[in-house]
Amino acid sequence: MARFEMHSADMAIMGEKPVSADILFQMGLDSASGRHGDTDLITAHKWFNIAALKGNKDAARYRKEISGEMSPTEIAEAQRSAREWLSTH
């Protein structure tokens, strides 16, 4: 059986199974910590936002925390990105 590394939620969608809030939350943690490259708070905010919408309570707390380190423009960009992702998935 093959093993897949998932570095984006786009890759995590396999077949008909939707991406879970826990996977999206982990994506946010990975982006916030720079686990797969540079720290990216905009992308982290996006994943935390989507995970929170899907019911992950920790994601809402983390989103609020990193928002304090972001400019209003960065937050708006993250929100736009989350809306785009949701409209295509």
Protein backbone atom coordinates (compact mmCIF):
# COMPACT_ATOMS: atom_id res chain seq x y z
CA MET A 1 0.00 0.00 0.00
CA ALA A 2 1.33 3.44 -0.91
CA ARG A 3 1.85 6.14 1.67
CA PHE A 4 1.14 9.75 0.78
CA GLU A 5 2.56 12.82 2.48
CA MET A 6 -0.05 15.57 2.52
CA HIS A 7 1.43 19.05 2.54
CA SER A 8 -1.74 20.77 1.40
CA ALA A 9 -5.41 20.19 2.00
CA ASP A 10 -5.91 20.13 -1.76
CA MET A 11 -3.86 16.93 -1.82
CA ALA A 12 -5.76 15.55 1.19
CA ILE A 13 -8.97 15.24 -0.79
CA MET A 14 -8.90 11.76 -2.18
CA GLY A 15 -11.94 10.20 -3.71
CA GLU A 16 -15.21 11.37 -2.24
CA LYS A 17 -14.05 11.72 1.36
CA PRO A 18 -14.02 15.36 2.57
CA VAL A 19 -11.09 16.84 4.45
CA SER A 20 -11.64 16.71 8.22
CA ALA A 21 -11.39 19.70 10.52
CA ASP A 22 -8.48 17.97 12.27
CA ILE A 23 -6.47 17.73 9.04
CA LEU A 24 -7.15 21.40 8.29
CA PHE A 25 -6.12 22.32 11.84
CA GLN A 26 -2.86 20.42 11.41
CA MET A 27 -2.28 22.27 8.14
CA GLY A 28 -2.62 25.52 10.07
CA LEU A 29 -0.17 24.35 12.71
CA ASP A 30 2.31 23.32 10.01
CA SER A 31 2.05 26.71 8.29
CA ALA A 32 2.30 28.67 11.54
CA SER A 33 5.38 26.76 12.69
CA GLY A 34 7.14 26.61 9.32
CA ARG A 35 7.21 22.83 9.43
CA HIS A 36 7.44 22.46 5.64
CA GLY A 37 9.35 25.66 4.87
CA ASP A 38 8.97 29.26 5.93
CA THR A 39 6.43 30.34 8.53
CA ASP A 40 3.32 31.58 6.72
CA LEU A 41 0.75 33.21 8.98
CA ILE A 42 -1.59 34.06 6.10
CA THR A 43 -1.84 30.41 5.09
CA ALA A 44 -2.05 29.34 8.75
CA HIS A 45 -4.93 31.77 9.32
CA LYS A 46 -6.68 30.38 6.24
CA TRP A 47 -6.47 26.77 7.46
CA PHE A 48 -7.43 27.69 11.03
CA ASN A 49 -10.40 29.65 9.68
CA ILE A 50 -11.65 26.72 7.60
CA ALA A 51 -11.01 24.21 10.41
CA ALA A 52 -12.96 26.44 12.81
CA LEU A 53 -15.86 26.60 10.35
CA LYS A 54 -15.81 22.80 10.24
CA GLY A 55 -16.05 22.61 14.04
CA ASN A 56 -12.49 22.56 15.43
CA LYS A 57 -12.60 24.75 18.56
CA ASP A 58 -8.82 24.94 18.93
CA ALA A 59 -8.57 26.35 15.41
CA ALA A 60 -10.66 29.39 16.36
CA ARG A 61 -8.37 30.07 19.32
CA TYR A 62 -5.20 29.74 17.24
CA ARG A 63 -6.67 31.92 14.47
CA LYS A 64 -7.36 34.65 17.02
CA GLU A 65 -3.86 34.32 18.47
CA ILE A 66 -2.01 34.69 15.16
CA SER A 67 -4.33 37.51 14.07
CA GLY A 68 -2.58 39.64 16.69
CA GLU A 69 0.66 39.23 14.72
CA MET A 70 -0.89 40.05 11.33
CA SER A 71 -1.80 43.30 9.59
CA PRO A 72 -5.40 43.97 8.53
CA THR A 73 -4.28 43.47 4.91
CA GLU A 74 -2.81 40.04 5.71
CA ILE A 75 -5.96 39.00 7.55
CA ALA A 76 -8.10 40.10 4.60
CA GLU A 77 -5.87 38.11 2.24
CA ALA A 78 -6.19 35.00 4.45
CA GLN A 79 -9.98 35.38 4.57
CA ARG A 80 -10.16 35.76 0.78
CA SER A 81 -8.03 32.67 0.36
CA ALA A 82 -10.27 30.70 2.73
CA ARG A 83 -13.39 31.76 0.82
CA GLU A 84 -11.79 30.74 -2.49
CA TRP A 85 -10.81 27.34 -1.09
CA LEU A 86 -14.30 26.76 0.31
CA SER A 87 -15.93 27.69 -2.98
CA THR A 88 -13.87 25.11 -4.87
CA HIS A 89 -14.00 22.33 -2.27
